[in-house]
Amino acid sequence: MLPICYQDEHLVVIDKPAGLLVHRSKIASGERRFAMQMLRDQLGQHVFPAHRLDRPTSGLLLFALSSDVARQLTTLFTDRAVKKSYLSLVRGWVKEGGLLDYPLVEEHDAVMGQPRLEKSAQDAVTAYAPLAHGELPFAVGRYNTARYSLMACSPKTGRRHQLRRHFDHLRHPIINDTTHGDGKHNKFFREQMAFNELGLRAWRLSFTHPVTGQALDIRAPLPDSWQALFTQFGWNGQALMADADSWHDKEY
């Protein structure tokens, strides 16, 4: 059963586990489990994904329960009328927040059969702020200790792998990002910290309901894997999420 964080007669929001594809894809032709089909079977009706989450990213995923509502939600996302906030765990200490405006060229995907075309970079903007810093007494890289930051972040545009690529550009790659991350630190987190998922979680969605006009503000709880990680760093999860809430409310 997929965890449901919100549901009414028009839409539903689930807490997608890390590693679950949203729908069928050539990326994983042998995969048999998909959020879209699982939710359809769970609810006993068709569902329509309103946006995307990368397979390794966990957290809030919004579905419409009719094609008409799906079109209305698509308009909200296109108009950037949906507030999306993520938690990310990154390598290094990020001293202060900011707004990164760094255009991205669309990534070529040979697995999906996309032709390799020369394309101009598209605008890509991400807001981010540090919530906590942690230092561990292990020489993972060239230093005697390993430093990490817990970040609140929000993509203002919807480019593929935007948050992962933007944090890599800042030289603070997201932990367990096997494409844009740091292999040594990824291995350390898998083997020594027992943290095997991508350090990126969609935790809050805020938008106006396209049918009722109600202001919706939906949060995903911290999973056990993240709770355990916070404990290892000595972080107060409740206090940090309160700080993340304040940032989400103010940064737009």
Protein backbone atom coordinates (compact mmCIF):
# COMPACT_ATOMS: atom_id res chain seq x y z
CA MET A 1 0.00 0.00 0.00
CA LEU A 2 1.28 3.44 -0.91
CA PRO A 3 1.08 5.98 1.95
CA ILE A 4 -1.55 8.62 1.21
CA CYS A 5 -0.92 12.10 2.62
CA TYR A 6 -4.05 13.74 1.19
CA GLN A 7 -7.10 12.59 -0.74
CA ASP A 8 -10.45 13.98 -1.88
CA GLU A 9 -12.76 13.26 -4.82
CA HIS A 10 -10.53 15.22 -7.23
CA LEU A 11 -6.92 14.48 -6.34
CA VAL A 12 -4.62 12.43 -4.15
CA VAL A 13 -1.08 12.94 -2.84
CA ILE A 14 1.10 9.96 -1.97
CA ASP A 15 4.44 9.60 -0.22
CA LYS A 16 6.46 7.88 -2.94
CA PRO A 17 9.19 5.56 -1.62
CA ALA A 18 12.72 6.02 -2.92
CA GLY A 19 13.47 3.72 -5.84
CA LEU A 20 9.90 3.52 -7.16
CA LEU A 21 9.25 4.65 -10.74
CA VAL A 22 6.24 6.89 -11.31
CA HIS A 23 5.16 5.01 -14.46
CA ARG A 24 6.44 2.50 -16.98
CA SER A 25 9.67 3.51 -18.64
CA LYS A 26 12.38 2.17 -20.93
CA ILE A 27 14.82 3.18 -18.21
CA ALA A 28 13.86 0.03 -16.29
CA SER A 29 12.21 -2.33 -18.75
CA GLY A 30 12.32 -5.20 -16.27
CA GLU A 31 10.59 -3.30 -13.47
CA ARG A 32 7.10 -4.48 -12.51
CA ARG A 33 6.11 -1.98 -9.83
CA PHE A 34 5.12 1.61 -10.64
CA ALA A 35 3.49 4.27 -8.48
CA MET A 36 0.83 5.03 -11.07
CA GLN A 37 -0.36 1.43 -11.45
CA MET A 38 -0.05 0.69 -7.73
CA LEU A 39 -2.17 3.69 -6.81
CA ARG A 40 -4.73 2.84 -9.50
CA ASP A 41 -5.12 -0.65 -8.06
CA GLN A 42 -5.17 0.69 -4.51
CA LEU A 43 -7.97 3.19 -5.24
CA GLY A 44 -9.78 1.14 -7.85
CA GLN A 45 -9.81 3.96 -10.39
CA HIS A 46 -7.61 5.66 -12.99
CA VAL A 47 -5.09 8.21 -11.76
CA PHE A 48 -3.19 10.90 -13.65
CA PRO A 49 0.26 12.08 -12.46
CA ALA A 50 0.42 15.88 -12.25
CA HIS A 51 4.21 16.14 -12.04
CA ARG A 52 7.31 13.96 -11.79
CA LEU A 53 9.76 12.72 -9.20
CA ASP A 54 12.97 10.98 -10.20
CA ARG A 55 13.03 7.30 -9.37
CA PRO A 56 15.53 7.67 -6.49
CA THR A 57 13.76 10.71 -5.00
CA SER A 58 11.23 10.05 -2.26
CA GLY A 59 8.32 12.14 -1.09
CA LEU A 60 5.14 13.89 -2.16
CA LEU A 61 3.71 13.00 -5.55
CA LEU A 62 0.44 14.54 -6.75
CA PHE A 63 -2.13 12.70 -8.88
CA ALA A 64 -5.42 13.88 -10.36
CA LEU A 65 -8.42 11.57 -10.36
CA SER A 66 -9.74 12.82 -13.71
CA SER A 67 -8.22 14.09 -16.94
CA ASP A 68 -9.92 17.46 -16.48
CA VAL A 69 -8.40 18.04 -13.05
CA ALA A 70 -5.05 16.81 -14.43
CA ARG A 71 -5.14 19.59 -17.04
CA GLN A 72 -5.91 22.16 -14.36
CA LEU A 73 -3.04 20.95 -12.19
CA THR A 74 -0.70 21.03 -15.18
CA THR A 75 -1.61 24.69 -15.63
CA LEU A 76 -0.78 25.39 -11.98
CA PHE A 77 2.66 23.82 -12.39
CA THR A 78 3.25 25.62 -15.71
CA ASP A 79 2.31 28.93 -14.09
CA ARG A 80 4.63 28.13 -11.15
CA ALA A 81 1.68 28.37 -8.76
CA VAL A 82 2.73 25.28 -6.79
CA LYS A 83 5.23 25.63 -3.95
CA LYS A 84 7.49 22.57 -3.82
CA SER A 85 10.06 22.18 -1.07
CA TYR A 86 12.64 19.43 -0.68
CA LEU A 87 15.13 18.30 1.91
CA SER A 88 18.58 17.47 0.59
CA LEU A 89 21.69 16.12 2.25
CA VAL A 90 24.82 17.41 0.55
CA ARG A 91 28.58 17.09 0.83
CA GLY A 92 30.35 19.96 2.58
CA TRP A 93 29.18 22.90 4.65
CA VAL A 94 26.93 25.35 2.84
CA LYS A 95 27.42 28.56 4.80
CA GLU A 96 24.39 30.51 3.57
CA GLY A 97 21.34 30.27 1.36
CA GLY A 98 20.69 31.86 -1.97
CA LEU A 99 18.97 31.74 -5.31
CA LEU A 100 20.91 29.91 -8.00
CA ASP A 101 20.06 31.02 -11.54
CA TYR A 102 22.08 28.61 -13.67
CA PRO A 103 20.68 27.50 -17.05
CA LEU A 104 20.82 23.79 -17.85
CA VAL A 105 21.10 22.00 -21.16
CA GLU A 106 18.58 19.17 -21.44
CA GLU A 107 20.27 15.89 -20.58
CA HIS A 108 20.57 13.36 -23.39
CA ASP A 109 18.99 10.01 -22.54
CA ALA A 110 20.15 7.23 -24.85
CA VAL A 111 18.12 4.63 -22.92
CA MET A 112 14.92 6.49 -23.76
CA GLY A 113 15.90 6.65 -27.42
CA GLN A 114 16.37 10.40 -27.43
CA PRO A 115 18.49 11.70 -30.31
CA ARG A 116 21.63 13.60 -29.40
CA LEU A 117 20.71 17.11 -30.55
CA GLU A 118 22.48 20.37 -29.95
CA LYS A 119 20.20 22.40 -27.71
CA SER A 120 20.57 25.73 -25.99
CA ALA A 121 20.51 25.90 -22.21
CA GLN A 122 17.12 26.47 -20.59
CA ASP A 123 16.55 28.74 -17.62
CA ALA A 124 16.81 26.91 -14.30
CA VAL A 125 16.39 28.56 -10.90
CA THR A 126 16.69 26.98 -7.46
CA ALA A 127 16.24 28.53 -4.02
CA TYR A 128 18.15 26.91 -1.16
CA ALA A 129 19.08 27.42 2.49
CA PRO A 130 21.10 25.41 5.04
CA LEU A 131 19.15 23.94 7.94
CA ALA A 132 21.96 22.12 9.77
CA HIS A 133 25.62 21.21 9.53
CA GLY A 134 27.25 17.98 10.59
CA GLU A 135 30.85 16.81 10.92
CA LEU A 136 31.86 13.17 11.27
CA PRO A 137 35.27 11.92 12.48
CA PHE A 138 36.03 9.96 9.31
CA ALA A 139 38.53 10.66 6.55
CA VAL A 140 36.21 10.01 3.62
CA GLY A 141 38.12 12.23 1.22
CA ARG A 142 41.33 14.20 1.61
CA TYR A 143 40.37 15.67 5.01
CA ASN A 144 40.48 14.06 8.46
CA THR A 145 36.77 14.69 8.99
CA ALA A 146 33.75 14.66 6.71
CA ARG A 147 31.34 17.61 6.62
CA TYR A 148 27.75 17.64 5.42
CA SER A 149 24.80 20.03 5.24
CA LEU A 150 21.08 19.46 5.46
CA MET A 151 19.39 21.81 3.02
CA ALA A 152 15.92 23.12 2.32
CA CYS A 153 15.56 23.72 -1.40
CA SER A 154 12.93 24.55 -3.98
CA PRO A 155 13.09 24.38 -7.78
CA LYS A 156 11.49 27.41 -9.40
CA THR A 157 11.70 25.71 -12.78
CA GLY A 158 11.16 22.09 -13.72
CA ARG A 159 14.30 20.92 -15.49
CA ARG A 160 15.27 17.25 -15.42
CA HIS A 161 17.50 16.46 -12.43
CA GLN A 162 17.56 20.19 -11.66
CA LEU A 163 18.26 20.00 -7.94
CA ARG A 164 20.87 17.29 -8.38
CA ARG A 165 22.65 19.21 -11.13
CA HIS A 166 22.44 22.56 -9.35
CA PHE A 167 23.96 21.24 -6.12
CA ASP A 168 26.70 19.60 -8.17
CA HIS A 169 27.33 22.99 -9.80
CA LEU A 170 27.66 24.52 -6.32
CA ARG A 171 30.25 21.78 -5.56
CA HIS A 172 27.97 20.39 -2.86
CA PRO A 173 26.61 17.24 -4.55
CA ILE A 174 23.68 15.39 -3.04
CA ILE A 175 24.57 12.24 -1.11
CA ASN A 176 23.96 8.97 -2.98
CA ASP A 177 23.52 10.69 -6.32
CA THR A 178 25.22 8.12 -8.53
CA THR A 179 25.11 10.39 -11.60
CA HIS A 180 26.16 13.80 -10.29
CA GLY A 181 27.50 12.93 -6.83
CA ASP A 182 30.74 11.97 -5.08
CA GLY A 183 31.43 8.23 -5.20
CA LYS A 184 33.57 8.16 -2.05
CA HIS A 185 30.94 9.86 0.07
CA ASN A 186 28.16 7.77 -1.47
CA LYS A 187 30.02 4.60 -0.53
CA PHE A 188 30.60 5.91 3.00
CA PHE A 189 26.90 6.59 3.53
CA ARG A 190 25.87 3.21 2.20
CA GLU A 191 28.43 1.17 4.10
CA GLN A 192 29.01 3.13 7.31
CA MET A 193 25.79 5.11 7.80
CA ALA A 194 23.36 2.44 6.49
CA PHE A 195 21.74 5.13 4.34
CA ASN A 196 21.11 3.69 0.89
CA GLU A 197 18.69 6.14 -0.74
CA LEU A 198 19.23 9.41 -2.53
CA GLY A 199 19.53 12.27 -0.05
CA LEU A 200 16.66 14.17 -1.66
CA ARG A 201 13.08 14.17 -0.37
CA ALA A 202 10.03 16.12 -1.55
CA TRP A 203 8.45 16.99 1.78
CA ARG A 204 5.97 19.86 1.25
CA LEU A 205 3.48 20.98 -1.41
CA SER A 206 1.40 24.15 -1.23
CA PHE A 207 -1.15 25.17 -3.87
CA THR A 208 -4.73 26.24 -4.43
CA HIS A 209 -7.11 23.38 -5.12
CA PRO A 210 -8.10 23.73 -8.80
CA VAL A 211 -11.73 22.72 -8.16
CA THR A 212 -12.66 23.88 -4.66
CA GLY A 213 -10.35 26.89 -4.39
CA GLN A 214 -9.14 25.63 -1.00
CA ALA A 215 -5.57 26.43 0.02
CA LEU A 216 -3.80 23.07 0.40
CA ASP A 217 -0.60 22.66 2.37
CA ILE A 218 0.59 19.06 2.44
CA ARG A 219 3.59 17.61 4.26
CA ALA A 220 5.28 14.24 4.15
CA PRO A 221 6.61 12.77 7.42
CA LEU A 222 10.25 11.91 7.83
CA PRO A 223 10.77 8.21 7.07
CA ASP A 224 12.68 6.00 9.48
CA SER A 225 15.79 6.11 7.28
CA TRP A 226 15.99 9.90 7.57
CA GLN A 227 15.13 9.85 11.28
CA ALA A 228 18.03 7.46 11.85
CA LEU A 229 20.33 9.72 9.85
CA PHE A 230 19.32 12.76 11.91
CA THR A 231 20.05 10.78 15.08
CA GLN A 232 23.54 9.88 13.87
CA PHE A 233 24.26 13.56 13.26
CA GLY A 234 22.71 14.60 16.57
CA TRP A 235 20.09 16.73 14.85
CA ASN A 236 16.72 17.58 16.38
CA GLY A 237 14.31 16.58 13.63
CA GLN A 238 11.32 18.44 15.05
CA ALA A 239 13.26 21.70 15.35
CA LEU A 240 14.78 21.34 11.88
CA MET A 241 11.42 20.72 10.25
CA ALA A 242 10.06 23.80 12.01
CA ASP A 243 12.93 25.79 10.47
CA ALA A 244 12.18 24.24 7.08
CA ASP A 245 8.53 25.26 7.46
CA SER A 246 9.56 28.86 8.17
CA TRP A 247 11.81 28.91 5.12
CA HIS A 248 9.08 27.48 2.87
CA ASP A 249 6.62 30.12 4.07
CA LYS A 250 9.00 33.04 3.58
CA GLU A 251 11.22 32.33 0.59
CA TYR A 252 8.62 32.78 -2.14
